Amino acid sequence: MKIALLNAHTSYAQGASASHGGVLYKEYEWSCKINKAIKSIFECEGISSYIIDASSIEPYNKSLSYKASLVNKDPEISVAIETHFNSAPLSVFNNTSTGLEVLYAEDRVECEKFAKDMVIVLSERLPFKIRRKDGLYPIDRNKIYILNYILCPVIIIELLFVSNPLDVAFLLHPRAVDVIALAIHDGIEKHLIS
């Protein structure tokens, strides 16, 4: 059993970002921190996990195929996750521009089960609002490359909005990354055990 942890975006295509109190919060950097912490937890348990980072691959659309090919190359990988943050322009900022959701390919039953297991754990462990009715976001697999091309069960976790001051306030806590990482780790274990 192995776990694939995919960093969101790349160092040159940072993804969502927002400035709060003069500090710029970048999705890629936080995804890297969270995945590093998840990997550390699995290492303590003797479980192999791999962080897949595509920062050396340009242009960005090539980075997606690079990630998928690395995951698919190893038949021992049981599941793959990619951690993301959302962002909304201040002009549309409202009470829906917050919270977490888990994306999965709507026609892949094994991915839906993984997403449901993950939402159960994240909603119990994290202080973020659950988006949509149940935190699940089924999507046409053709719209998101890794949901279409990664063969093992794969999900994308959109944890919070970096544009939301309340969501970012949680990130300021010195243990925030550890809390998020442990929740995701436990969601993965819940799915693998079930």
Protein backbone atom coordinates (compact mmCIF):
# COMPACT_ATOMS: atom_id res chain seq x y z
CA MET A 1 0.00 0.00 0.00
CA LYS A 2 1.25 3.44 -0.97
CA ILE A 3 -0.32 6.89 -0.89
CA ALA A 4 0.22 9.58 -3.55
CA LEU A 5 0.09 13.17 -2.29
CA LEU A 6 -0.07 15.66 -5.15
CA ASN A 7 0.98 19.25 -4.59
CA ALA A 8 -1.52 21.71 -6.04
CA HIS A 9 -0.27 23.70 -9.02
CA THR A 10 3.45 24.50 -9.20
CA SER A 11 5.96 27.01 -7.89
CA TYR A 12 5.59 29.06 -11.07
CA ALA A 13 1.79 28.63 -11.37
CA GLN A 14 0.87 29.25 -7.73
CA GLY A 15 -2.91 28.78 -7.93
CA ALA A 16 -5.20 30.68 -5.59
CA SER A 17 -3.66 33.48 -3.55
CA ALA A 18 -4.76 36.37 -1.38
CA SER A 19 -3.11 38.96 0.85
CA HIS A 20 -4.07 39.39 4.50
CA GLY A 21 -2.27 41.77 6.82
CA GLY A 22 0.53 42.23 4.33
CA VAL A 23 1.13 38.46 4.04
CA LEU A 24 0.48 36.73 0.71
CA TYR A 25 -1.09 33.30 1.10
CA LYS A 26 -0.31 31.06 -1.89
CA GLU A 27 -2.12 27.81 -2.57
CA TYR A 28 0.96 25.95 -3.84
CA GLU A 29 3.03 26.73 -0.74
CA TRP A 30 0.29 25.62 1.66
CA SER A 31 -0.40 22.46 -0.33
CA CYS A 32 3.31 21.59 -0.05
CA LYS A 33 3.30 22.16 3.73
CA ILE A 34 0.18 20.07 4.25
CA ASN A 35 1.41 17.19 2.08
CA LYS A 36 4.78 17.18 3.85
CA ALA A 37 2.98 16.88 7.20
CA ILE A 38 0.71 14.07 5.91
CA LYS A 39 3.76 12.19 4.61
CA SER A 40 5.43 12.55 8.01
CA ILE A 41 2.43 10.98 9.77
CA PHE A 42 2.38 8.03 7.36
CA GLU A 43 6.15 7.57 7.79
CA CYS A 44 5.67 7.23 11.55
CA GLU A 45 3.27 4.38 10.81
CA GLY A 46 5.63 2.73 8.33
CA ILE A 47 3.31 3.43 5.38
CA SER A 48 4.85 4.60 2.11
CA SER A 49 3.61 7.90 0.77
CA TYR A 50 4.97 9.99 -2.05
CA ILE A 51 4.71 13.70 -2.65
CA ILE A 52 4.39 14.43 -6.33
CA ASP A 53 5.47 17.92 -7.28
CA ALA A 54 5.52 19.13 -10.86
CA SER A 55 7.40 22.40 -10.37
CA SER A 56 10.10 21.38 -12.81
CA ILE A 57 7.56 20.76 -15.58
CA GLU A 58 6.50 23.57 -17.91
CA PRO A 59 4.03 24.55 -19.27
CA TYR A 60 1.38 23.96 -16.60
CA ASN A 61 -0.78 21.61 -18.69
CA LYS A 62 2.22 19.28 -19.02
CA SER A 63 2.53 19.22 -15.22
CA LEU A 64 -0.85 17.53 -14.95
CA SER A 65 0.08 14.65 -17.27
CA TYR A 66 3.40 14.36 -15.42
CA LYS A 67 1.60 13.88 -12.08
CA ALA A 68 -0.86 11.38 -13.52
CA SER A 69 1.87 9.34 -15.19
CA LEU A 70 3.89 9.08 -11.96
CA VAL A 71 0.86 7.86 -10.02
CA ASN A 72 -0.18 5.38 -12.72
CA LYS A 73 3.36 4.02 -13.06
CA ASP A 74 3.24 2.48 -9.58
CA PRO A 75 0.55 -0.22 -9.22
CA GLU A 76 1.03 -0.29 -5.44
CA ILE A 77 -0.46 3.20 -5.01
CA SER A 78 -3.83 2.69 -3.32
CA VAL A 79 -5.19 6.25 -3.43
CA ALA A 80 -4.18 9.73 -4.57
CA ILE A 81 -5.20 13.13 -3.24
CA GLU A 82 -4.46 16.65 -4.33
CA THR A 83 -4.90 19.41 -1.76
CA HIS A 84 -6.14 22.79 -2.93
CA PHE A 85 -7.43 26.10 -1.65
CA ASN A 86 -10.14 28.21 -3.27
CA SER A 87 -10.28 31.95 -3.80
CA ALA A 88 -13.01 34.42 -4.73
CA PRO A 89 -12.70 38.04 -5.83
CA LEU A 90 -13.62 40.49 -3.10
CA SER A 91 -16.39 41.82 -5.35
CA VAL A 92 -18.25 38.52 -5.00
CA PHE A 93 -17.18 37.78 -1.43
CA ASN A 94 -20.13 36.52 0.59
CA ASN A 95 -21.00 33.72 2.96
CA THR A 96 -20.60 31.10 0.22
CA SER A 97 -16.97 32.07 -0.39
CA THR A 98 -15.77 29.88 2.42
CA GLY A 99 -15.48 26.28 3.43
CA LEU A 100 -14.36 22.92 2.14
CA GLU A 101 -15.50 20.48 -0.49
CA VAL A 102 -14.15 17.30 -2.04
CA LEU A 103 -14.19 16.83 -5.81
CA TYR A 104 -14.39 13.44 -7.51
CA ALA A 105 -15.24 12.03 -10.92
CA GLU A 106 -19.01 11.53 -10.89
CA ASP A 107 -18.90 8.27 -12.84
CA ARG A 108 -16.23 6.56 -10.71
CA VAL A 109 -17.88 4.75 -7.79
CA GLU A 110 -14.58 4.08 -5.99
CA CYS A 111 -13.74 7.80 -6.09
CA GLU A 112 -17.18 8.75 -4.77
CA LYS A 113 -16.73 6.38 -1.80
CA PHE A 114 -13.28 7.89 -1.13
CA ALA A 115 -14.74 11.41 -1.27
CA LYS A 116 -17.58 10.51 1.11
CA ASP A 117 -15.19 8.94 3.61
CA MET A 118 -12.95 12.01 3.44
CA VAL A 119 -15.80 14.51 3.93
CA ILE A 120 -17.04 12.62 7.01
CA VAL A 121 -13.65 12.91 8.69
CA LEU A 122 -12.87 16.47 7.57
CA SER A 123 -16.26 17.75 8.70
CA GLU A 124 -15.70 16.22 12.15
CA ARG A 125 -12.11 17.44 12.56
CA LEU A 126 -11.83 20.83 10.85
CA PRO A 127 -13.55 24.09 11.75
CA PHE A 128 -14.36 24.99 8.14
CA LYS A 129 -17.86 25.36 6.81
CA ILE A 130 -18.93 22.49 4.53
CA ARG A 131 -19.77 23.82 1.07
CA ARG A 132 -22.75 22.66 -0.91
CA LYS A 133 -25.20 20.42 0.87
CA ASP A 134 -22.81 17.68 1.91
CA GLY A 135 -19.30 18.81 0.97
CA LEU A 136 -19.22 16.56 -2.08
CA TYR A 137 -18.66 17.92 -5.57
CA PRO A 138 -19.21 15.31 -8.27
CA ILE A 139 -17.80 16.57 -11.54
CA ASP A 140 -17.51 15.39 -15.12
CA ARG A 141 -14.12 13.68 -15.18
CA ASN A 142 -13.28 15.33 -18.52
CA LYS A 143 -13.23 18.75 -16.84
CA ILE A 144 -10.35 17.96 -14.47
CA TYR A 145 -7.33 16.15 -15.85
CA ILE A 146 -6.20 14.18 -12.80
CA LEU A 147 -9.74 12.97 -12.06
CA ASN A 148 -9.84 11.58 -15.58
CA TYR A 149 -6.38 10.10 -16.00
CA ILE A 150 -5.26 8.88 -12.57
CA LEU A 151 -6.32 5.23 -12.40
CA CYS A 152 -6.46 4.60 -8.64
CA PRO A 153 -9.17 6.27 -6.52
CA VAL A 154 -8.37 10.00 -6.62
CA ILE A 155 -9.95 13.07 -5.05
CA ILE A 156 -9.24 16.77 -4.89
CA ILE A 157 -9.72 18.42 -1.50
CA GLU A 158 -10.58 22.13 -1.61
CA LEU A 159 -9.94 22.97 2.03
CA LEU A 160 -10.80 26.63 2.37
CA PHE A 161 -10.80 30.04 0.69
CA VAL A 162 -7.54 31.98 0.97
CA SER A 163 -9.61 35.06 0.14
CA ASN A 164 -11.73 34.57 3.27
CA PRO A 165 -10.24 36.25 6.37
CA LEU A 166 -11.95 33.77 8.71
CA ASP A 167 -10.58 30.75 6.85
CA VAL A 168 -7.11 32.30 6.79
CA ALA A 169 -7.34 33.12 10.52
CA PHE A 170 -7.30 29.37 11.12
CA LEU A 171 -4.12 29.03 9.06
CA LEU A 172 -2.39 31.52 11.35
CA HIS A 173 -2.57 29.07 14.24
CA PRO A 174 0.85 27.41 14.65
CA ARG A 175 -0.73 23.92 14.65
CA ALA A 176 -3.08 24.49 11.69
CA VAL A 177 -1.03 22.49 9.19
CA ASP A 178 -0.72 19.59 11.64
CA VAL A 179 -4.48 19.59 12.34
CA ILE A 180 -5.31 19.62 8.61
CA ALA A 181 -2.72 16.94 7.83
CA LEU A 182 -3.97 14.63 10.58
CA ALA A 183 -7.57 15.03 9.42
CA ILE A 184 -6.64 14.18 5.82
CA HIS A 185 -4.48 11.26 7.00
CA ASP A 186 -7.41 9.93 9.03
CA GLY A 187 -9.74 10.34 6.05
CA ILE A 188 -7.38 8.28 3.91
CA GLU A 189 -7.12 5.60 6.60
CA LYS A 190 -10.91 5.52 7.07
CA HIS A 191 -11.30 4.87 3.37
CA LEU A 192 -8.58 2.22 3.16
CA ILE A 193 -9.86 0.38 6.24
CA SER A 194 -13.47 0.44 5.04
